[in-house]
Each structure stands twice: as structure tokens, then as C-alpha cells.
Protein backbone atom coordinates (compact mmCIF):
# COMPACT_ATOMS: atom_id res chain seq x y z
CA MET A 1 1.52 20.77 -13.29
CA LYS A 2 2.71 22.97 -16.22
CA THR A 3 6.39 21.96 -15.97
CA ARG A 4 7.40 18.33 -16.38
CA ILE A 5 9.98 16.96 -13.97
CA LEU A 6 12.44 15.02 -16.10
CA PRO A 7 14.85 12.22 -15.34
CA GLY A 8 17.91 13.40 -13.43
CA ALA A 9 15.76 15.43 -10.93
CA MET A 10 15.52 14.36 -7.27
CA LEU A 11 12.27 13.03 -6.00
CA GLY A 12 11.38 12.75 -2.31
CA ILE A 13 9.44 10.12 -0.43
CA ILE A 14 8.25 10.11 3.16
CA GLY A 15 8.40 6.73 4.65
CA GLY A 16 10.92 3.89 3.97
CA GLY A 17 8.90 0.70 3.93
CA LEU A 18 8.28 -1.72 1.19
CA HIS A 19 6.17 0.62 -1.04
CA SER A 20 8.95 3.19 -0.72
CA TRP A 21 11.42 0.55 -1.75
CA LEU A 22 9.49 -0.31 -4.91
CA PHE A 23 8.90 3.35 -5.70
CA THR A 24 12.54 4.09 -5.32
CA MET A 25 13.63 1.05 -7.41
CA THR A 26 11.13 2.17 -10.11
CA ALA A 27 12.20 5.88 -10.11
CA ARG A 28 15.93 4.91 -10.25
CA GLN A 29 15.12 2.69 -13.20
CA MET A 30 13.44 5.54 -14.96
CA GLY A 31 16.64 7.86 -14.36
CA TYR A 32 15.50 9.86 -11.36
CA ARG A 33 17.36 10.26 -8.08
CA VAL A 34 15.51 9.70 -4.81
CA ALA A 35 15.76 11.04 -1.24
CA VAL A 36 13.89 9.14 1.48
CA LEU A 37 12.84 10.30 4.98
CA SER A 38 12.32 7.48 7.51
CA PRO A 39 12.94 7.10 11.24
CA ASP A 40 14.80 3.84 10.48
CA ALA A 41 18.29 4.54 9.12
CA ASP A 42 18.37 0.95 7.57
CA CYS A 43 14.87 1.06 6.03
CA PRO A 44 14.62 -0.82 2.64
CA ALA A 45 14.09 2.33 0.55
CA GLY A 46 16.98 4.06 2.30
CA GLN A 47 19.42 1.27 1.29
CA ILE A 48 18.99 2.09 -2.39
CA ALA A 49 18.12 5.80 -2.37
CA ASN A 50 20.54 8.54 -3.40
CA PHE A 51 19.96 10.33 -0.07
CA SER A 52 18.34 9.36 3.22
CA ILE A 53 17.21 11.64 6.02
CA SER A 54 16.83 9.76 9.35
CA ALA A 55 13.99 11.44 11.19
CA PRO A 56 10.54 10.70 12.32
CA ARG A 57 7.69 11.95 10.13
CA GLU A 58 6.36 14.09 12.92
CA ASP A 59 9.63 16.20 12.55
CA VAL A 60 8.24 19.13 10.57
CA ASP A 61 11.59 20.65 10.08
CA ALA A 62 12.98 17.50 8.62
CA VAL A 63 9.99 17.07 6.27
CA ALA A 64 10.50 20.72 5.17
CA ASN A 65 14.23 19.96 4.68
CA LEU A 66 13.41 16.98 2.48
CA ALA A 67 11.00 19.11 0.28
CA ARG A 68 13.38 22.02 0.08
CA ASN A 69 15.88 19.76 -1.73
CA VAL A 70 13.69 17.82 -4.16
CA ALA A 71 11.57 18.57 -7.26
CA ALA A 72 8.43 16.92 -5.78
CA VAL A 73 7.41 14.74 -2.72
CA THR A 74 5.17 11.82 -2.29
CA VAL A 75 4.32 9.59 0.63
CA ASP A 76 4.35 5.90 1.77
CA LEU A 77 1.95 6.49 4.66
CA GLU A 78 -1.46 8.12 5.19
CA ASP A 79 -0.83 9.57 8.69
CA LEU A 80 1.55 12.38 7.91
CA SER A 81 0.30 15.34 10.06
CA VAL A 82 -1.44 18.28 8.38
CA GLU A 83 1.36 20.61 9.65
CA ALA A 84 4.08 18.41 8.13
CA ALA A 85 2.12 18.06 4.85
CA GLU A 86 1.59 21.66 4.58
CA ALA A 87 5.23 22.36 5.26
CA ALA A 88 6.29 20.03 2.50
CA ALA A 89 3.73 21.49 0.08
CA ARG A 90 4.96 25.02 0.66
CA ARG A 91 8.47 23.97 -0.72
CA ALA A 92 7.69 21.39 -3.39
CA PRO A 93 4.61 19.73 -5.13
CA LEU A 94 3.25 17.26 -2.57
CA ARG A 95 1.43 14.17 -4.02
CA PRO A 96 -1.34 13.50 -3.26
CA GLY A 97 -1.68 16.88 -1.40
CA PRO A 98 -2.55 18.09 2.20
CA ARG A 99 -6.32 18.09 1.74
CA VAL A 100 -6.38 14.49 0.47
CA MET A 101 -4.26 13.35 3.41
CA GLN A 102 -6.28 15.19 5.89
CA VAL A 103 -9.51 13.51 4.72
CA THR A 104 -8.23 10.02 4.33
CA GLN A 105 -5.99 9.73 7.55
CA HIS A 106 -9.16 10.03 9.73
CA ARG A 107 -11.85 7.30 9.31
CA GLY A 108 -14.59 9.52 10.74
CA LEU A 109 -13.78 12.53 8.43
CA GLU A 110 -13.49 10.03 5.44
CA LYS A 111 -16.84 8.54 6.18
CA GLN A 112 -18.54 11.88 6.47
CA TYR A 113 -16.89 13.10 3.22
CA LEU A 114 -18.11 10.11 1.28
CA ARG A 115 -21.66 10.26 2.86
CA GLN A 116 -22.04 13.94 2.23
CA ARG A 117 -21.38 13.33 -1.50
CA GLY A 118 -23.93 10.56 -1.78
CA LEU A 119 -21.47 7.70 -1.88
CA PRO A 120 -22.51 4.26 -0.46
CA VAL A 121 -20.97 3.51 2.95
CA ALA A 122 -21.90 1.19 5.78
CA PRO A 123 -23.99 2.72 8.57
CA PHE A 124 -21.58 4.27 11.16
CA ALA A 125 -21.36 6.70 14.01
CA GLU A 126 -18.31 8.60 15.41
CA VAL A 127 -17.46 7.78 18.95
CA ASP A 128 -15.24 9.83 21.42
CA SER A 129 -16.42 8.45 24.77
CA LEU A 130 -17.95 5.37 26.41
CA GLU A 131 -21.31 7.21 26.55
CA THR A 132 -21.30 8.05 22.82
CA LEU A 133 -20.39 4.43 22.09
CA ARG A 134 -23.36 3.20 24.14
CA ASP A 135 -25.63 5.56 22.19
CA ALA A 136 -24.17 4.48 18.88
CA LEU A 137 -24.88 0.89 19.73
CA THR A 138 -28.52 1.71 20.40
CA ARG A 139 -28.87 3.30 17.07
CA ILE A 140 -26.71 0.99 14.88
CA GLY A 141 -27.31 -2.22 16.85
CA THR A 142 -25.15 -5.39 17.16
CA PRO A 143 -23.05 -6.98 15.95
CA ALA A 144 -20.83 -4.00 14.97
CA VAL A 145 -17.24 -3.11 14.61
CA LEU A 146 -15.49 -0.37 16.66
CA LYS A 147 -12.46 0.97 14.69
CA VAL A 148 -9.79 3.57 15.80
CA ALA A 149 -10.35 6.64 13.75
CA GLN A 150 -6.82 7.87 13.20
CA ALA A 151 -4.56 6.21 10.72
CA GLY A 152 -1.21 4.89 12.06
CA CYS A 153 -2.25 4.59 15.64
CA GLY A 154 -0.47 1.86 17.61
CA GLY A 155 -2.16 -0.83 19.61
CA ARG A 156 -5.42 -2.63 19.00
CA ARG A 157 -7.18 -0.98 15.97
CA GLN A 158 -10.60 -2.62 16.18
CA PHE A 159 -12.94 -4.67 18.21
CA VAL A 160 -15.94 -6.75 17.27
CA ILE A 161 -18.98 -6.01 19.48
CA ARG A 162 -21.40 -8.85 19.57
CA SER A 163 -23.55 -7.47 22.46
CA SER A 164 -24.22 -4.05 23.90
CA SER A 165 -22.97 -5.39 27.18
CA GLN A 166 -19.38 -5.43 25.60
CA ALA A 167 -19.34 -1.62 25.18
CA GLU A 168 -16.93 -0.90 28.08
CA GLU A 169 -14.72 -3.83 27.18
CA ALA A 170 -14.42 -2.59 23.61
CA TRP A 171 -13.74 1.02 24.66
CA LYS A 172 -10.98 -0.09 26.89
CA ALA A 173 -9.56 -2.55 24.26
CA ILE A 174 -8.98 0.23 21.80
CA GLY A 175 -7.39 2.46 24.39
CA ARG A 176 -10.27 4.87 24.81
CA ARG A 177 -9.38 6.61 21.54
CA GLN A 178 -11.53 8.51 19.04
CA SER A 179 -13.15 5.83 16.94
CA VAL A 180 -15.96 4.93 14.45
CA LEU A 181 -18.67 2.39 15.10
CA GLU A 182 -19.68 0.51 11.80
CA LYS A 183 -22.52 -1.93 11.42
CA TRP A 184 -21.42 -5.49 10.94
CA LEU A 185 -21.68 -6.47 7.27
CA ASP A 186 -22.31 -9.85 5.48
CA ILE A 187 -19.42 -9.44 3.16
CA HIS A 188 -19.57 -11.49 0.06
CA ARG A 189 -16.42 -9.99 -1.65
CA GLU A 190 -13.77 -7.55 -0.65
CA PHE A 191 -11.82 -5.77 -3.44
CA ALA A 192 -10.11 -2.49 -4.46
CA VAL A 193 -9.77 -0.30 -7.49
CA VAL A 194 -6.47 1.58 -7.81
CA VAL A 195 -6.73 4.92 -9.68
CA ALA A 196 -3.77 6.84 -11.12
CA HIS A 197 -4.60 10.46 -11.63
CA SER A 198 -2.23 13.11 -13.24
CA ALA A 199 -2.23 16.84 -12.83
CA CYS A 200 -3.38 17.25 -16.35
CA GLY A 201 -6.55 15.17 -15.79
CA GLU A 202 -5.40 11.85 -17.12
CA MET A 203 -6.66 8.77 -15.33
CA VAL A 204 -6.25 5.05 -15.51
CA THR A 205 -7.59 2.30 -13.19
CA TYR A 206 -6.39 -1.16 -12.14
CA GLY A 207 -9.01 -3.77 -10.96
CA PRO A 208 -11.19 -4.49 -9.24
CA ILE A 209 -8.45 -6.54 -7.51
CA LEU A 210 -9.91 -9.18 -5.25
CA SER A 211 -8.42 -9.56 -1.85
CA MET A 212 -8.64 -12.44 0.61
CA GLU A 213 -7.74 -12.93 4.21
CA ARG A 214 -6.01 -15.58 6.21
CA HIS A 215 -5.91 -15.57 9.97
CA GLY A 216 -7.50 -12.15 10.03
CA HIS A 217 -4.97 -10.52 7.67
CA ARG A 218 -5.11 -9.81 3.93
CA ASP A 219 -2.90 -12.40 2.51
CA PHE A 220 -3.48 -12.67 -1.24
CA TRP A 221 -4.82 -10.66 -4.08
CA VAL A 222 -6.25 -11.66 -7.51
CA ALA A 223 -7.06 -9.89 -10.77
CA PRO A 224 -9.26 -9.87 -12.65
CA ALA A 225 -11.78 -10.24 -9.85
CA ASP A 226 -14.63 -12.62 -10.29
CA LEU A 227 -17.40 -10.17 -10.15
CA PRO A 228 -20.49 -9.39 -12.19
CA LYS A 229 -19.79 -7.02 -15.00
CA ALA A 230 -22.23 -4.51 -13.53
CA VAL A 231 -20.43 -4.51 -10.15
CA THR A 232 -17.06 -4.16 -11.91
CA ASP A 233 -18.26 -1.15 -13.86
CA ARG A 234 -19.91 0.62 -11.02
CA ALA A 235 -16.83 0.06 -8.82
CA VAL A 236 -14.52 1.62 -11.38
CA GLN A 237 -17.02 4.37 -11.80
CA LEU A 238 -17.11 5.05 -8.13
CA ALA A 239 -13.25 5.09 -7.86
CA ARG A 240 -12.78 7.50 -10.59
CA PHE A 241 -15.48 9.87 -9.28
CA ILE A 242 -13.86 9.92 -5.74
CA ALA A 243 -10.36 10.49 -7.24
CA CYS A 244 -11.80 13.50 -9.20
CA ARG A 245 -13.68 15.02 -6.31
CA LEU A 246 -10.71 14.72 -4.03
CA GLU A 247 -8.37 16.12 -6.68
CA VAL A 248 -5.88 13.39 -6.05
CA ILE A 249 -2.63 13.62 -7.96
CA GLY A 250 -0.86 10.31 -7.73
CA LEU A 251 -2.56 7.08 -6.58
CA LEU A 252 -5.77 6.42 -4.83
CA CYS A 253 -6.65 2.92 -3.72
CA VAL A 254 -10.46 2.68 -3.20
CA GLU A 255 -11.37 -0.35 -1.08
CA MET A 256 -14.88 -1.62 -1.33
CA PHE A 257 -17.23 -4.32 -0.15
CA LEU A 258 -19.97 -6.32 -1.95
CA THR A 259 -22.37 -7.55 0.64
CA GLY A 260 -24.44 -10.73 0.49
CA ASP A 261 -27.49 -8.79 -0.51
CA GLY A 262 -25.75 -7.08 -3.48
CA GLN A 263 -24.92 -3.71 -2.01
CA LEU A 264 -21.66 -2.17 -3.20
CA LEU A 265 -20.08 -0.03 -0.40
CA VAL A 266 -16.95 2.07 -0.04
CA ASN A 267 -14.94 0.94 2.83
CA GLN A 268 -11.67 2.97 2.90
CA LEU A 269 -9.62 5.47 0.77
CA VAL A 270 -5.75 5.03 0.77
CA PRO A 271 -3.87 7.76 -1.16
CA ARG A 272 -0.62 5.75 -1.83
CA PRO A 273 0.48 2.36 -3.14
CA GLN A 274 -1.26 -0.60 -1.66
CA ASP A 275 -0.33 -4.26 -1.33
CA CYS A 276 -3.14 -5.20 -3.79
CA GLY A 277 -1.20 -3.36 -6.47
CA HIS A 278 1.92 -5.62 -6.11
CA LEU A 279 0.62 -7.66 -8.93
CA THR A 280 0.71 -4.83 -11.40
CA LEU A 281 4.56 -5.19 -11.40
CA ASN A 282 4.37 -8.35 -13.36
CA GLY A 283 0.74 -8.56 -14.60
CA HIS A 284 0.26 -5.08 -16.19
CA ALA A 285 1.83 -2.96 -18.93
CA THR A 286 2.72 -0.27 -16.31
CA SER A 287 3.04 -0.83 -12.65
CA GLN A 288 1.30 1.23 -9.92
CA TYR A 289 4.81 2.37 -8.87
CA GLU A 290 5.70 3.67 -12.43
CA GLN A 291 2.29 5.44 -12.61
CA LEU A 292 3.01 7.14 -9.23
CA VAL A 293 6.41 8.36 -10.62
CA ARG A 294 4.72 9.58 -13.75
CA ALA A 295 1.95 11.34 -12.00
CA THR A 296 4.32 12.87 -9.45
CA CYS A 297 6.50 14.26 -12.32
CA GLY A 298 3.72 15.50 -14.61
CA LEU A 299 4.43 12.93 -17.34
CA PRO A 300 1.67 11.13 -19.30
CA LEU A 301 0.41 7.99 -17.62
CA GLY A 302 1.31 4.54 -18.91
CA PRO A 303 -1.21 1.99 -20.31
CA ALA A 304 -2.77 0.03 -17.36
CA ASP A 305 -3.66 -3.01 -19.52
CA GLN A 306 -3.53 -6.27 -17.81
CA LEU A 307 -1.30 -8.73 -19.69
CA ARG A 308 -2.35 -11.92 -17.98
CA PRO A 309 -4.48 -12.91 -14.89
CA ALA A 310 -2.33 -12.55 -11.83
CA ALA A 311 -2.16 -13.46 -8.18
CA THR A 312 0.02 -12.19 -5.37
CA VAL A 313 0.64 -13.79 -1.88
CA SER A 314 2.63 -12.08 0.82
CA LEU A 315 5.62 -13.60 2.50
CA PRO A 316 5.31 -13.22 6.35
CA GLY A 317 8.20 -12.39 8.56
CA ASP A 318 7.94 -15.79 10.27
CA LEU A 319 8.78 -17.59 7.11
CA CYS A 320 12.51 -17.62 8.11
CA GLN A 321 11.83 -19.21 11.41
CA GLY A 322 13.45 -22.65 11.50
CA GLY A 323 15.91 -21.77 8.79
CA GLU A 324 16.44 -19.98 5.44
CA PRO A 325 13.98 -20.84 2.85
CA ASP A 326 15.31 -22.20 -0.40
CA TRP A 327 14.31 -19.19 -2.60
CA ALA A 328 15.27 -20.82 -5.81
CA ARG A 329 12.41 -23.31 -5.47
CA VAL A 330 10.01 -20.56 -6.14
CA PHE A 331 11.02 -20.70 -9.83
CA ASP A 332 10.12 -24.43 -10.09
CA VAL A 333 6.52 -23.23 -10.22
CA PRO A 334 5.74 -21.84 -13.65
CA SER A 335 5.37 -18.10 -14.36
CA THR A 336 6.19 -16.95 -10.70
CA TYR A 337 8.13 -13.91 -9.67
CA LEU A 338 9.81 -13.41 -6.26
CA HIS A 339 10.23 -9.93 -4.69
CA LEU A 340 12.09 -9.49 -1.49
CA TYR A 341 12.20 -6.09 0.22
CA GLY A 342 15.70 -6.21 1.83
CA ARG A 343 14.56 -5.91 5.38
CA LYS A 344 17.46 -6.16 7.87
CA LYS A 345 15.26 -6.22 11.02
CA LEU A 346 12.15 -8.36 10.78
CA GLN A 347 9.27 -8.45 13.09
CA ARG A 348 6.46 -11.00 13.08
CA ASP A 349 3.98 -8.58 11.37
CA HIS A 350 6.51 -7.45 8.72
CA SER A 351 6.45 -8.85 5.22
CA LEU A 352 9.63 -10.38 3.77
CA GLY A 353 8.28 -9.83 0.27
CA HIS A 354 5.77 -11.35 -2.12
CA ILE A 355 5.29 -13.77 -4.87
CA THR A 356 3.25 -13.08 -7.97
CA ALA A 357 2.17 -15.76 -10.43
CA LEU A 358 0.54 -15.47 -13.81
CA ALA A 359 -1.63 -17.94 -15.55
CA PRO A 360 -4.37 -18.17 -18.23
CA GLU A 361 -7.01 -17.70 -15.63
CA PRO A 362 -7.18 -16.18 -12.03
CA ARG A 363 -7.69 -19.36 -10.03
CA ARG A 364 -4.80 -21.03 -11.59
CA ALA A 365 -2.63 -18.00 -10.99
CA LEU A 366 -3.61 -18.06 -7.25
CA SER A 367 -2.90 -21.81 -7.06
CA ARG A 368 0.62 -21.23 -8.50
CA ALA A 369 1.42 -18.39 -6.02
CA ILE A 370 0.16 -20.35 -2.99
CA THR A 371 2.08 -23.45 -4.11
CA ALA A 372 5.28 -21.51 -4.54
CA ARG A 373 4.88 -20.01 -0.93
CA ASP A 374 4.11 -23.37 0.52
CA VAL A 375 7.30 -24.79 -0.92
CA LEU A 376 9.27 -22.08 0.99
CA ARG A 377 7.72 -23.15 4.22
CA THR A 378 9.03 -26.72 3.93
CA VAL A 379 12.32 -26.49 2.21
CA ARG A 380 15.40 -24.94 4.03
CA VAL A 381 18.94 -24.19 3.11
CA ALA A 382 22.04 -23.41 5.15
CA GLY A 383 23.66 -19.94 5.04
CA PRO A 384 22.84 -16.26 5.71
CA ARG A 385 19.49 -14.72 5.21
CA ALA A 386 18.88 -14.11 1.48
CA ALA A 387 16.93 -11.00 2.43
CA ARG A 388 20.14 -9.57 3.62
CA VAL A 389 22.01 -10.52 0.54
CA LEU A 390 19.44 -8.73 -1.51
CA SER A 391 19.27 -5.73 0.73
CA SER A 392 21.35 -3.65 -1.73
CA ASP A 393 24.25 -3.40 0.87
CA SER A 394 26.51 -3.44 -2.26
CA ALA A 395 25.95 -2.91 -5.90
CA GLU A 396 27.34 -6.32 -6.62
CA ASP A 397 24.83 -7.99 -4.36
CA ALA A 398 21.82 -6.15 -5.71
CA GLN A 399 22.87 -6.80 -9.33
CA THR A 400 23.62 -10.52 -8.60
CA GLY A 401 20.18 -11.01 -7.24
CA SER A 402 18.45 -9.23 -10.04
CA ALA A 403 20.36 -11.09 -12.74
CA ALA A 404 19.89 -14.48 -11.02
CA SER A 405 16.10 -14.24 -10.87
CA GLY A 406 14.98 -11.63 -13.33
CA GLY A 407 12.62 -10.33 -10.63
CA ILE A 408 14.61 -10.53 -7.27
CA GLY A 409 15.90 -7.27 -5.91
CA SER A 410 14.72 -4.83 -8.49
CA PRO A 411 11.86 -4.52 -10.95
CA GLY A 412 13.01 -5.23 -14.38
CA GLY A 413 16.52 -6.10 -13.42
CA ALA A 414 17.57 -2.42 -12.87
CA SER A 415 21.09 -1.81 -11.71
CA VAL A 416 21.57 -0.36 -8.20
CA GLU A 417 24.21 2.07 -7.16
CA PRO A 418 25.88 1.84 -3.74
CA PRO A 419 24.01 2.68 -0.48
CA ALA A 420 22.49 6.09 0.11
CA ARG A 421 24.40 9.01 1.66
CA ARG A 422 22.74 10.15 4.95
CA ILE A 423 21.98 13.78 5.21
CA ALA A 424 20.75 15.66 8.28
């Protein structure tokens, strides 16, 4: 990018969820205006953006309208159609770009792309019928995992096949959709490296960031990861290589596995902010969201130094069942930071927010974060939902939340203007 986009310009983001909210907060703090496109008129990002377009991401005309009115566009999803991505890119710089999105939104294409470039991936086969699934099971063996190929698909996304006799059951369970069959792995560690890459070739990395699951969902993240130095160095090298080859401008999260027998494998590429990067808001010199703003605008990237070991835990939507948590109790735990996303409508699989804790060493940081969340599950207060109070429905509410906690409502205590104007 030869021309830098300076503060005061309008940036566009497609998607209005939690990562859009944090991107918008950060961009506003840096002096930019933001326009959001989301099908949900009350999405978190739309509440604090300057402008909001209420339309589905499949609406090519709406995407083109957004791009036409901004200096650059980025995304909070990986399943934007190629047609919509190209429509945006014809009108404004699109970060990360149509080609990147085309590769990363389809698991089969992504796996082929990586394998063709000699990058380590688990054994896999593409599946488009019950017959090809049975053939793939013969070649790959069981146990194996059948995963829906297209990003953003609704319904069940994967099925563990423990015997070839389960082929028909698995095919029905994922809705008879184009899929990828992957060999079952003995996973010793799961982690990610986040790469920020600018148009002028600057690159910084975060991680590896260790991720851990609870009840089948990724639930907490820790950095630095407890990995051998050789694995850490190789993981960062792989992530940088992939970002360069894909010509990503913006962020690329490279998710990886370390198997029990010592293999380092690339699992998935995500060309946008990821939950694992939440801890960069408090644990690093520059957050992943600020790096995305900088890369999108052609500015020099910030330092990615980790200030202290950090851990983040998610706050599930069911946390408010049984009453309003006493959010103030989070701050009884030393060096903890509460981030609430301002969701007005919560579903069980939605995240209310997250807690990040810092400590002299990673395990202690994780213990602090988990302790803070456990307190919220047991202590309730009377009154309206705090997430609504902090949803930026008014400038006063948003500023009060930020001042009260030094971390609730907006990164760095940034002031927030009144709600966004809706544009067609």
C-alpha cells in the first residue's frame, strides 16, 4: 500500500460480533471512524460504530455499498463469498484479500494448498458422497474425523467415526455436505501462532498461544506456551512462511497440533482475529486488533513483545442463568481484566466476554483467570444485566463502565460516542 490511511478516515468491517466490537473499539481509540455490516442491527460492533449497515453478508450490493464508502475493508468472518469479496475489493482495499478468503474458507482447498507446498498436515481425503466417504475410510482407516468443508455452515460440523460401519450415520449427521475426512490424531498440544503482516512486508508474530478445551469447546488460552524451543521456533517459522505465500495483509491465525510422537502439523488457517489473541489486549505491547488496524491502513506495525505471561478464559452465555454475576468480584483476583461484549441477545453458545489474567508465570496466570470466572458462577447480584449497561447504548454508560474497571467496555478506557447511525 503506497498511501497510508490516516486517522479520521472511515474503515469498514464485515461482521458485527465480538472481534468486530474489539476492532471497532481499537480503531475508534486510534482516531478512525468505522462502518459495520451485519445482519443483526443490534450487534455489539454496530452499537459503537459510526455507521451500521443492516444486511446479510451474502448481499453483494450491500457489501459493495460498504466498500464504496470507506477507505479500506476488513472482515470478522472467513465465509464471505468470493463474489462479495471481489465486489468489495474492486471498490476499496480488502484485507486479507479475496484469494486468501477463497483458500481458507474451504477446508478441502486449504488442506490441498498446504500439502502442495510441502507443509505438514494430517492425512486427509475430500468427501462428496457416501461412496467417497467409504473409500476414504478404507485408505485412512479408523478412528477418523469427518468435518464439514465449508466455513460458516450451520448444523453439525464434525463426526468422529470409530468404525467403518458408521459411515452412513456420519454422512447423515453432517447433512450429506461436502466434507473432509481426517485421520484421528494423538494430540499432545494444540496451539496457534498469530501473524500480523503489512502491505510493505513487515511481519510480527504472537505465540505460540496454547489452547485448551472444556466440554468439547476451546475454553482458555495461555501464553507463552509450554513447548520445547525447537517446536516454538518451527511453529513460528511455518506461520510466517504461510502468511508470506498467501500474501496475507492483516492477520493470519495458524492453528497447529503437536502429536504424541512429536509431529508438528498445521490444522487450520483463520485470516482474522481469533479468540486466542484476546490475551494480547492486556499481555502484549500491541494487541492483535491494533495490528489489524495498522496493517489495514498501511501503518508500521507495533511491537508484539509479551509484557507478562497471560491467560484468558471465556465467559459463556449461560453464566447469567440464575441471576446477574457480581462482576466487581473479578477484580478481587490480582491482575485480572474483564472484557464484556455488550450482547443484547444471548444464546447458549454465545460468549458474554472474557477474563484475562497476568502473572509471573503462565500456570499462575491461568489459575487466576479460572478463579475469577468461578467466582462469577457462585456470586449473584440483583439488578439489570451488566452486559446491557456496558453495551454502549449511551456514551455515559460506556464511559462509566470503562472508568470503573480500567478494562470493561473499551480497551484502554477509550471514550465512546453515541450509537451508530444506520445506513441502507
